[in-house]
Amino acid sequence: GALRLACAASGFSSRNYCISWYRQAPSNEREWVAYIRPDDFTRYA
């Protein structure tokens, strides 16, 4: 299946930030998933 997650930013200019996605399962350490740069360049695990 599929899902779309959203991350709404307020109080700062998110366009000037790198936004990263992480995930954490119970009893696991936090894992990096993806990021998007201010120029929209993306990378993925």
All heavy atoms as atom14 arrays in JSON, in Angstrom:
{
  "sequence": "GALRLACAASGFSSRNYCISWYRQAPSNEREWVAYIRPDDFTRYA",
  "atom14_mask": [
    [1, 1, 1, 1, 0, 0, 0, 0, 0, 0, 0, 0, 0, 0],
    [1, 1, 1, 1, 1, 0, 0, 0, 0, 0, 0, 0, 0, 0],
    [1, 1, 1, 1, 1, 1, 1, 1, 0, 0, 0, 0, 0, 0],
    [1, 1, 1, 1, 1, 1, 1, 1, 1, 1, 1, 0, 0, 0],
    [1, 1, 1, 1, 1, 1, 1, 1, 0, 0, 0, 0, 0, 0],
    [1, 1, 1, 1, 1, 0, 0, 0, 0, 0, 0, 0, 0, 0],
    [1, 1, 1, 1, 1, 1, 0, 0, 0, 0, 0, 0, 0, 0],
    [1, 1, 1, 1, 1, 0, 0, 0, 0, 0, 0, 0, 0, 0],
    [1, 1, 1, 1, 1, 0, 0, 0, 0, 0, 0, 0, 0, 0],
    [1, 1, 1, 1, 1, 1, 0, 0, 0, 0, 0, 0, 0, 0],
    [1, 1, 1, 1, 0, 0, 0, 0, 0, 0, 0, 0, 0, 0],
    [1, 1, 1, 1, 1, 1, 1, 1, 1, 1, 1, 0, 0, 0],
    [1, 1, 1, 1, 1, 1, 0, 0, 0, 0, 0, 0, 0, 0],
    [1, 1, 1, 1, 1, 1, 0, 0, 0, 0, 0, 0, 0, 0],
    [1, 1, 1, 1, 1, 1, 1, 1, 1, 1, 1, 0, 0, 0],
    [1, 1, 1, 1, 1, 1, 1, 1, 0, 0, 0, 0, 0, 0],
    [1, 1, 1, 1, 1, 1, 1, 1, 1, 1, 1, 1, 0, 0],
    [1, 1, 1, 1, 1, 1, 0, 0, 0, 0, 0, 0, 0, 0],
    [1, 1, 1, 1, 1, 1, 1, 1, 0, 0, 0, 0, 0, 0],
    [1, 1, 1, 1, 1, 1, 0, 0, 0, 0, 0, 0, 0, 0],
    [1, 1, 1, 1, 1, 1, 1, 1, 1, 1, 1, 1, 1, 1],
    [1, 1, 1, 1, 1, 1, 1, 1, 1, 1, 1, 1, 0, 0],
    [1, 1, 1, 1, 1, 1, 1, 1, 1, 1, 1, 0, 0, 0],
    [1, 1, 1, 1, 1, 1, 1, 1, 1, 0, 0, 0, 0, 0],
    [1, 1, 1, 1, 1, 0, 0, 0, 0, 0, 0, 0, 0, 0],
    [1, 1, 1, 1, 1, 1, 1, 0, 0, 0, 0, 0, 0, 0],
    [1, 1, 1, 1, 1, 1, 0, 0, 0, 0, 0, 0, 0, 0],
    [1, 1, 1, 1, 1, 1, 1, 1, 0, 0, 0, 0, 0, 0],
    [1, 1, 1, 1, 1, 1, 1, 1, 1, 0, 0, 0, 0, 0],
    [1, 1, 1, 1, 1, 1, 1, 1, 1, 1, 1, 0, 0, 0],
    [1, 1, 1, 1, 1, 1, 1, 1, 1, 0, 0, 0, 0, 0],
    [1, 1, 1, 1, 1, 1, 1, 1, 1, 1, 1, 1, 1, 1],
    [1, 1, 1, 1, 1, 1, 1, 0, 0, 0, 0, 0, 0, 0],
    [1, 1, 1, 1, 1, 0, 0, 0, 0, 0, 0, 0, 0, 0],
    [1, 1, 1, 1, 1, 1, 1, 1, 1, 1, 1, 1, 0, 0],
    [1, 1, 1, 1, 1, 1, 1, 1, 0, 0, 0, 0, 0, 0],
    [1, 1, 1, 1, 1, 1, 1, 1, 1, 1, 1, 0, 0, 0],
    [1, 1, 1, 1, 1, 1, 1, 0, 0, 0, 0, 0, 0, 0],
    [1, 1, 1, 1, 1, 1, 1, 1, 0, 0, 0, 0, 0, 0],
    [1, 1, 1, 1, 1, 1, 1, 1, 0, 0, 0, 0, 0, 0],
    [1, 1, 1, 1, 1, 1, 1, 1, 1, 1, 1, 0, 0, 0],
    [1, 1, 1, 1, 1, 1, 1, 0, 0, 0, 0, 0, 0, 0],
    [1, 1, 1, 1, 1, 1, 1, 1, 1, 1, 1, 0, 0, 0],
    [1, 1, 1, 1, 1, 1, 1, 1, 1, 1, 1, 1, 0, 0],
    [1, 1, 1, 1, 1, 0, 0, 0, 0, 0, 0, 0, 0, 0]
  ],
  "atom14_positions": [
    [[0.8, -1.2, 0.0], [0.0, 0.0, 0.0], [0.84, 1.26, 0.0], [2.07, 1.22, -0.09], [0.0, 0.0, 0.0], [0.0, 0.0, 0.0], [0.0, 0.0, 0.0], [0.0, 0.0, 0.0], [0.0, 0.0, 0.0], [0.0, 0.0, 0.0], [0.0, 0.0, 0.0], [0.0, 0.0, 0.0], [0.0, 0.0, 0.0], [0.0, 0.0, 0.0]],
    [[0.16, 2.4, 0.12], [0.83, 3.7, 0.05], [0.25, 4.66, 1.08], [-0.92, 4.56, 1.48], [0.68, 4.3, -1.35], [0.0, 0.0, 0.0], [0.0, 0.0, 0.0], [0.0, 0.0, 0.0], [0.0, 0.0, 0.0], [0.0, 0.0, 0.0], [0.0, 0.0, 0.0], [0.0, 0.0, 0.0], [0.0, 0.0, 0.0], [0.0, 0.0, 0.0]],
    [[1.08, 5.59, 1.52], [0.69, 6.67, 2.41], [1.46, 7.92, 2.03], [2.6, 7.82, 1.55], [0.98, 6.34, 3.87], [0.07, 5.36, 4.61], [0.68, 5.05, 5.98], [-1.32, 5.93, 4.77], [0.0, 0.0, 0.0], [0.0, 0.0, 0.0], [0.0, 0.0, 0.0], [0.0, 0.0, 0.0], [0.0, 0.0, 0.0], [0.0, 0.0, 0.0]],
    [[0.87, 9.07, 2.26], [1.58, 10.34, 2.12], [1.63, 11.03, 3.46], [0.6, 11.37, 4.03], [0.89, 11.24, 1.09], [1.71, 12.5, 0.78], [1.0, 13.46, -0.14], [-0.15, 14.07, 0.51], [-0.87, 15.07, 0.01], [-0.55, 15.58, -1.18], [-1.9, 15.56, 0.66], [0.0, 0.0, 0.0], [0.0, 0.0, 0.0], [0.0, 0.0, 0.0]],
    [[2.84, 11.24, 3.95], [3.04, 11.96, 5.18], [3.25, 13.44, 4.89], [3.83, 13.8, 3.87], [4.25, 11.42, 5.94], [4.28, 9.92, 6.21], [5.5, 9.57, 7.05], [3.0, 9.46, 6.89], [0.0, 0.0, 0.0], [0.0, 0.0, 0.0], [0.0, 0.0, 0.0], [0.0, 0.0, 0.0], [0.0, 0.0, 0.0], [0.0, 0.0, 0.0]],
    [[2.79, 14.29, 5.79], [2.99, 15.72, 5.67], [3.68, 16.25, 6.91], [3.49, 15.73, 8.02], [1.65, 16.44, 5.47], [0.0, 0.0, 0.0], [0.0, 0.0, 0.0], [0.0, 0.0, 0.0], [0.0, 0.0, 0.0], [0.0, 0.0, 0.0], [0.0, 0.0, 0.0], [0.0, 0.0, 0.0], [0.0, 0.0, 0.0], [0.0, 0.0, 0.0]],
    [[4.48, 17.27, 6.72], [5.2, 17.95, 7.81], [4.98, 19.44, 7.63], [5.56, 20.05, 6.72], [6.68, 17.58, 7.76], [7.74, 18.48, 8.91], [0.0, 0.0, 0.0], [0.0, 0.0, 0.0], [0.0, 0.0, 0.0], [0.0, 0.0, 0.0], [0.0, 0.0, 0.0], [0.0, 0.0, 0.0], [0.0, 0.0, 0.0], [0.0, 0.0, 0.0]],
    [[4.14, 20.01, 8.46], [3.82, 21.43, 8.37], [4.74, 22.24, 9.27], [4.87, 21.94, 10.46], [2.36, 21.66, 8.76], [0.0, 0.0, 0.0], [0.0, 0.0, 0.0], [0.0, 0.0, 0.0], [0.0, 0.0, 0.0], [0.0, 0.0, 0.0], [0.0, 0.0, 0.0], [0.0, 0.0, 0.0], [0.0, 0.0, 0.0], [0.0, 0.0, 0.0]],
    [[5.38, 23.25, 8.71], [6.32, 24.09, 9.44], [5.69, 25.44, 9.75], [5.0, 26.03, 8.92], [7.6, 24.29, 8.62], [0.0, 0.0, 0.0], [0.0, 0.0, 0.0], [0.0, 0.0, 0.0], [0.0, 0.0, 0.0], [0.0, 0.0, 0.0], [0.0, 0.0, 0.0], [0.0, 0.0, 0.0], [0.0, 0.0, 0.0], [0.0, 0.0, 0.0]],
    [[5.96, 25.94, 10.94], [5.51, 27.27, 11.32], [6.55, 27.92, 12.21], [7.3, 27.24, 12.91], [4.15, 27.21, 12.04], [4.24, 26.47, 13.24], [0.0, 0.0, 0.0], [0.0, 0.0, 0.0], [0.0, 0.0, 0.0], [0.0, 0.0, 0.0], [0.0, 0.0, 0.0], [0.0, 0.0, 0.0], [0.0, 0.0, 0.0], [0.0, 0.0, 0.0]],
    [[6.6, 29.25, 12.18], [7.52, 29.98, 13.02], [8.91, 30.15, 12.45], [9.76, 30.79, 13.1], [0.0, 0.0, 0.0], [0.0, 0.0, 0.0], [0.0, 0.0, 0.0], [0.0, 0.0, 0.0], [0.0, 0.0, 0.0], [0.0, 0.0, 0.0], [0.0, 0.0, 0.0], [0.0, 0.0, 0.0], [0.0, 0.0, 0.0], [0.0, 0.0, 0.0]],
    [[9.17, 29.61, 11.27], [10.46, 29.77, 10.6], [10.27, 29.53, 9.11], [9.25, 28.98, 8.69], [11.53, 28.85, 11.19], [11.36, 27.4, 10.86], [12.18, 26.78, 9.93], [10.37, 26.65, 11.47], [12.02, 25.43, 9.63], [10.2, 25.3, 11.17], [11.03, 24.7, 10.25], [0.0, 0.0, 0.0], [0.0, 0.0, 0.0], [0.0, 0.0, 0.0]],
    [[11.26, 29.91, 8.32], [11.19, 29.79, 6.87], [11.76, 28.44, 6.46], [12.97, 28.3, 6.24], [11.95, 30.92, 6.19], [11.4, 32.18, 6.51], [0.0, 0.0, 0.0], [0.0, 0.0, 0.0], [0.0, 0.0, 0.0], [0.0, 0.0, 0.0], [0.0, 0.0, 0.0], [0.0, 0.0, 0.0], [0.0, 0.0, 0.0], [0.0, 0.0, 0.0]],
    [[10.89, 27.46, 6.34], [11.35, 26.11, 6.03], [12.0, 26.01, 4.67], [12.78, 25.08, 4.42], [10.18, 25.12, 6.13], [9.15, 25.46, 5.22], [0.0, 0.0, 0.0], [0.0, 0.0, 0.0], [0.0, 0.0, 0.0], [0.0, 0.0, 0.0], [0.0, 0.0, 0.0], [0.0, 0.0, 0.0], [0.0, 0.0, 0.0], [0.0, 0.0, 0.0]],
    [[11.74, 26.94, 3.77], [12.35, 26.92, 2.45], [13.86, 27.08, 2.5], [14.55, 26.72, 1.54], [11.74, 27.99, 1.56], [12.08, 29.42, 1.96], [11.31, 30.41, 1.12], [9.89, 30.34, 1.43], [8.93, 30.95, 0.74], [9.26, 31.66, -0.34], [7.67, 30.84, 1.1], [0.0, 0.0, 0.0], [0.0, 0.0, 0.0], [0.0, 0.0, 0.0]],
    [[14.38, 27.62, 3.6], [15.81, 27.8, 3.77], [16.47, 26.67, 4.55], [17.65, 26.77, 4.89], [16.09, 29.13, 4.47], [15.58, 30.31, 3.69], [15.68, 30.35, 2.47], [15.03, 31.29, 4.39], [0.0, 0.0, 0.0], [0.0, 0.0, 0.0], [0.0, 0.0, 0.0], [0.0, 0.0, 0.0], [0.0, 0.0, 0.0], [0.0, 0.0, 0.0]],
    [[15.74, 25.62, 4.84], [16.23, 24.53, 5.66], [16.25, 23.23, 4.88], [15.44, 23.0, 3.98], [15.33, 24.34, 6.88], [15.54, 25.38, 7.97], [15.1, 26.68, 7.79], [16.17, 25.04, 9.16], [15.29, 27.64, 8.77], [16.35, 25.99, 10.15], [15.91, 27.28, 9.95], [16.09, 28.22, 10.94], [0.0, 0.0, 0.0], [0.0, 0.0, 0.0]],
    [[17.18, 22.39, 5.26], [17.12, 21.0, 4.84], [16.16, 20.28, 5.76], [16.28, 20.36, 6.98], [18.5, 20.35, 4.92], [18.52, 18.65, 4.35], [0.0, 0.0, 0.0], [0.0, 0.0, 0.0], [0.0, 0.0, 0.0], [0.0, 0.0, 0.0], [0.0, 0.0, 0.0], [0.0, 0.0, 0.0], [0.0, 0.0, 0.0], [0.0, 0.0, 0.0]],
    [[15.2, 19.59, 5.17], [14.21, 18.84, 5.94], [14.5, 17.35, 5.78], [14.54, 16.84, 4.65], [12.78, 19.15, 5.49], [12.51, 20.66, 5.54], [11.78, 18.38, 6.36], [12.61, 21.26, 6.93], [0.0, 0.0, 0.0], [0.0, 0.0, 0.0], [0.0, 0.0, 0.0], [0.0, 0.0, 0.0], [0.0, 0.0, 0.0], [0.0, 0.0, 0.0]],
    [[14.69, 16.69, 6.9], [15.0, 15.27, 6.9], [13.85, 14.48, 7.5], [13.14, 14.97, 8.37], [16.28, 14.98, 7.69], [17.4, 15.58, 7.09], [0.0, 0.0, 0.0], [0.0, 0.0, 0.0], [0.0, 0.0, 0.0], [0.0, 0.0, 0.0], [0.0, 0.0, 0.0], [0.0, 0.0, 0.0], [0.0, 0.0, 0.0], [0.0, 0.0, 0.0]],
    [[13.71, 13.26, 7.03], [12.75, 12.31, 7.58], [13.5, 11.18, 8.27], [14.45, 10.63, 7.7], [11.84, 11.74, 6.5], [10.9, 12.74, 5.91], [11.1, 13.53, 4.83], [9.58, 13.04, 6.39], [10.0, 14.32, 4.6], [9.05, 14.04, 5.55], [8.8, 12.57, 7.45], [7.77, 14.57, 5.72], [7.53, 13.1, 7.62], [7.03, 14.08, 6.76]],
    [[13.08, 10.87, 9.46], [13.62, 9.76, 10.23], [12.48, 8.87, 10.68], [11.32, 9.29, 10.7], [14.38, 10.25, 11.47], [15.69, 10.94, 11.19], [15.72, 12.26, 10.75], [16.9, 10.28, 11.37], [16.93, 12.9, 10.5], [18.1, 10.91, 11.13], [18.11, 12.22, 10.69], [19.31, 12.85, 10.45], [0.0, 0.0, 0.0], [0.0, 0.0, 0.0]],
    [[12.81, 7.65, 11.05], [11.8, 6.76, 11.59], [12.39, 5.96, 12.74], [13.59, 5.74, 12.82], [11.24, 5.81, 10.53], [12.24, 4.82, 9.96], [11.63, 4.08, 8.79], [12.53, 3.08, 8.24], [12.29, 2.38, 7.14], [11.16, 2.58, 6.46], [13.16, 1.48, 6.71], [0.0, 0.0, 0.0], [0.0, 0.0, 0.0], [0.0, 0.0, 0.0]],
    [[11.51, 5.53, 13.63], [11.94, 4.76, 14.79], [10.88, 3.74, 15.14], [9.73, 4.09, 15.42], [12.22, 5.67, 15.98], [12.83, 4.96, 17.17], [13.34, 5.94, 18.21], [12.9, 7.08, 18.28], [14.3, 5.49, 19.0], [0.0, 0.0, 0.0], [0.0, 0.0, 0.0], [0.0, 0.0, 0.0], [0.0, 0.0, 0.0], [0.0, 0.0, 0.0]],
    [[11.27, 2.48, 15.12], [10.39, 1.39, 15.55], [10.61, 1.14, 17.04], [11.66, 1.5, 17.59], [10.68, 0.12, 14.75], [0.0, 0.0, 0.0], [0.0, 0.0, 0.0], [0.0, 0.0, 0.0], [0.0, 0.0, 0.0], [0.0, 0.0, 0.0], [0.0, 0.0, 0.0], [0.0, 0.0, 0.0], [0.0, 0.0, 0.0], [0.0, 0.0, 0.0]],
    [[9.63, 0.54, 17.72], [9.79, 0.26, 19.15], [11.06, -0.52, 19.42], [11.37, -1.5, 18.74], [8.54, -0.55, 19.49], [7.53, -0.09, 18.5], [8.3, 0.15, 17.24], [0.0, 0.0, 0.0], [0.0, 0.0, 0.0], [0.0, 0.0, 0.0], [0.0, 0.0, 0.0], [0.0, 0.0, 0.0], [0.0, 0.0, 0.0], [0.0, 0.0, 0.0]],
    [[11.81, -0.08, 20.41], [13.06, -0.7, 20.84], [14.19, -0.58, 19.82], [15.24, -1.19, 20.0], [12.84, -2.18, 21.19], [11.87, -2.31, 22.22], [0.0, 0.0, 0.0], [0.0, 0.0, 0.0], [0.0, 0.0, 0.0], [0.0, 0.0, 0.0], [0.0, 0.0, 0.0], [0.0, 0.0, 0.0], [0.0, 0.0, 0.0], [0.0, 0.0, 0.0]],
    [[13.99, 0.2, 18.76], [15.04, 0.43, 17.77], [15.55, 1.86, 17.86], [14.88, 2.75, 18.37], [14.51, 0.17, 16.36], [14.37, -1.3, 16.04], [14.06, -2.11, 16.91], [14.58, -1.65, 14.78], [0.0, 0.0, 0.0], [0.0, 0.0, 0.0], [0.0, 0.0, 0.0], [0.0, 0.0, 0.0], [0.0, 0.0, 0.0], [0.0, 0.0, 0.0]],
    [[16.75, 2.07, 17.32], [17.29, 3.42, 17.27], [16.69, 4.17, 16.09], [16.19, 3.57, 15.14], [18.82, 3.38, 17.16], [19.34, 2.76, 15.88], [20.85, 2.7, 15.86], [21.48, 2.73, 16.93], [21.43, 2.63, 14.75], [0.0, 0.0, 0.0], [0.0, 0.0, 0.0], [0.0, 0.0, 0.0], [0.0, 0.0, 0.0], [0.0, 0.0, 0.0]],
    [[16.74, 5.48, 16.16], [16.2, 6.3, 15.09], [17.03, 6.15, 13.83], [18.26, 6.22, 13.85], [16.14, 7.75, 15.54], [15.4, 8.65, 14.57], [15.06, 9.99, 15.22], [14.1, 9.84, 16.3], [13.49, 10.86, 16.91], [13.77, 12.11, 16.55], [12.64, 10.64, 17.89], [0.0, 0.0, 0.0], [0.0, 0.0, 0.0], [0.0, 0.0, 0.0]],
    [[16.35, 5.97, 12.7], [16.98, 5.69, 11.42], [16.67, 6.8, 10.42], [15.5, 7.18, 10.25], [16.47, 4.35, 10.88], [16.93, 4.0, 9.48], [16.2, 2.79, 8.91], [15.1, 2.48, 9.41], [16.73, 2.15, 7.97], [0.0, 0.0, 0.0], [0.0, 0.0, 0.0], [0.0, 0.0, 0.0], [0.0, 0.0, 0.0], [0.0, 0.0, 0.0]],
    [[17.7, 7.31, 9.74], [17.48, 8.3, 8.7], [16.84, 7.67, 7.48], [17.21, 6.57, 7.06], [18.81, 8.96, 8.3], [18.67, 9.86, 7.12], [18.1, 11.09, 7.08], [19.1, 9.56, 5.79], [18.15, 11.59, 5.8], [18.76, 10.68, 5.0], [19.75, 8.48, 5.2], [19.03, 10.73, 3.64], [20.04, 8.54, 3.84], [19.67, 9.65, 3.08]],
    [[15.87, 8.36, 6.89], [15.11, 7.85, 5.76], [15.36, 8.65, 4.49], [15.61, 8.07, 3.42], [13.6, 7.85, 6.08], [12.79, 7.46, 4.85], [13.31, 6.9, 7.23], [0.0, 0.0, 0.0], [0.0, 0.0, 0.0], [0.0, 0.0, 0.0], [0.0, 0.0, 0.0], [0.0, 0.0, 0.0], [0.0, 0.0, 0.0], [0.0, 0.0, 0.0]],
    [[15.28, 9.98, 4.57], [15.37, 10.82, 3.38], [15.61, 12.26, 3.79], [15.37, 12.64, 4.93], [14.08, 10.73, 2.54], [0.0, 0.0, 0.0], [0.0, 0.0, 0.0], [0.0, 0.0, 0.0], [0.0, 0.0, 0.0], [0.0, 0.0, 0.0], [0.0, 0.0, 0.0], [0.0, 0.0, 0.0], [0.0, 0.0, 0.0], [0.0, 0.0, 0.0]],
    [[16.07, 13.08, 2.83], [16.1, 14.52, 3.05], [15.81, 15.25, 1.75], [15.95, 14.69, 0.66], [17.41, 15.0, 3.69], [18.68, 14.96, 2.85], [18.83, 15.75, 1.71], [19.75, 14.18, 3.25], [20.0, 15.74, 0.98], [20.93, 14.16, 2.52], [21.06, 14.94, 1.39], [22.23, 14.94, 0.67], [0.0, 0.0, 0.0], [0.0, 0.0, 0.0]],
    [[15.41, 16.5, 1.9], [15.22, 17.39, 0.77], [15.88, 18.72, 1.1], [15.62, 19.31, 2.15], [13.72, 17.55, 0.41], [13.56, 18.49, -0.79], [12.89, 18.01, 1.61], [12.16, 18.43, -1.4], [0.0, 0.0, 0.0], [0.0, 0.0, 0.0], [0.0, 0.0, 0.0], [0.0, 0.0, 0.0], [0.0, 0.0, 0.0], [0.0, 0.0, 0.0]],
    [[16.75, 19.19, 0.2], [17.49, 20.43, 0.39], [16.68, 21.64, -0.03], [15.66, 21.51, -0.71], [18.78, 20.37, -0.45], [19.96, 19.84, 0.3], [21.25, 19.75, -0.46], [21.3, 20.17, -1.82], [22.26, 19.81, -2.66], [23.23, 19.0, -2.24], [22.26, 20.25, -3.9], [0.0, 0.0, 0.0], [0.0, 0.0, 0.0], [0.0, 0.0, 0.0]],
    [[17.14, 22.86, 0.32], [16.45, 24.07, -0.15], [16.33, 24.16, -1.67], [15.39, 24.8, -2.17], [17.3, 25.2, 0.41], [17.88, 24.64, 1.66], [18.16, 23.19, 1.33], [0.0, 0.0, 0.0], [0.0, 0.0, 0.0], [0.0, 0.0, 0.0], [0.0, 0.0, 0.0], [0.0, 0.0, 0.0], [0.0, 0.0, 0.0], [0.0, 0.0, 0.0]],
    [[17.25, 23.54, -2.41], [17.17, 23.54, -3.87], [16.38, 22.35, -4.42], [16.39, 22.1, -5.62], [18.56, 23.58, -4.5], [19.37, 22.33, -4.23], [18.99, 21.53, -3.36], [20.41, 22.14, -4.9], [0.0, 0.0, 0.0], [0.0, 0.0, 0.0], [0.0, 0.0, 0.0], [0.0, 0.0, 0.0], [0.0, 0.0, 0.0], [0.0, 0.0, 0.0]],
    [[15.73, 21.6, -3.53], [14.89, 20.45, -3.85], [15.67, 19.2, -4.21], [15.06, 18.2, -4.63], [13.88, 20.76, -4.95], [12.75, 21.65, -4.47], [12.59, 21.81, -3.24], [12.03, 22.19, -5.32], [0.0, 0.0, 0.0], [0.0, 0.0, 0.0], [0.0, 0.0, 0.0], [0.0, 0.0, 0.0], [0.0, 0.0, 0.0], [0.0, 0.0, 0.0]],
    [[16.98, 19.21, -4.07], [17.75, 17.99, -4.21], [17.37, 17.01, -3.1], [17.22, 17.42, -1.94], [19.24, 18.3, -4.14], [20.13, 17.09, -4.21], [20.47, 16.55, -5.43], [20.62, 16.5, -3.06], [21.29, 15.44, -5.52], [21.44, 15.39, -3.13], [21.77, 14.85, -4.37], [0.0, 0.0, 0.0], [0.0, 0.0, 0.0], [0.0, 0.0, 0.0]],
    [[17.21, 15.75, -3.45], [16.79, 14.74, -2.48], [17.75, 13.57, -2.44], [18.42, 13.26, -3.42], [15.39, 14.2, -2.81], [15.36, 13.7, -4.15], [14.34, 15.3, -2.67], [0.0, 0.0, 0.0], [0.0, 0.0, 0.0], [0.0, 0.0, 0.0], [0.0, 0.0, 0.0], [0.0, 0.0, 0.0], [0.0, 0.0, 0.0], [0.0, 0.0, 0.0]],
    [[17.8, 12.93, -1.29], [18.54, 11.69, -1.1], [17.71, 10.76, -0.23], [16.93, 11.2, 0.6], [19.9, 11.93, -0.44], [20.96, 12.49, -1.36], [22.32, 12.45, -0.67], [22.75, 11.08, -0.42], [23.76, 10.76, 0.37], [24.45, 11.7, 1.0], [24.08, 9.48, 0.54], [0.0, 0.0, 0.0], [0.0, 0.0, 0.0], [0.0, 0.0, 0.0]],
    [[17.96, 9.45, -0.43], [17.18, 8.44, 0.28], [18.07, 7.33, 0.8], [19.09, 7.0, 0.19], [16.13, 7.83, -0.66], [15.23, 8.85, -1.28], [15.54, 9.45, -2.5], [14.06, 9.25, -0.63], [14.71, 10.41, -3.05], [13.23, 10.2, -1.19], [13.56, 10.78, -2.39], [12.74, 11.73, -2.94], [0.0, 0.0, 0.0], [0.0, 0.0, 0.0]],
    [[17.65, 6.76, 1.91], [18.31, 5.57, 2.4], [18.08, 4.42, 1.42], [17.05, 4.35, 0.76], [17.78, 5.2, 3.79], [0.0, 0.0, 0.0], [0.0, 0.0, 0.0], [0.0, 0.0, 0.0], [0.0, 0.0, 0.0], [0.0, 0.0, 0.0], [0.0, 0.0, 0.0], [0.0, 0.0, 0.0], [0.0, 0.0, 0.0], [0.0, 0.0, 0.0]]
  ]
}
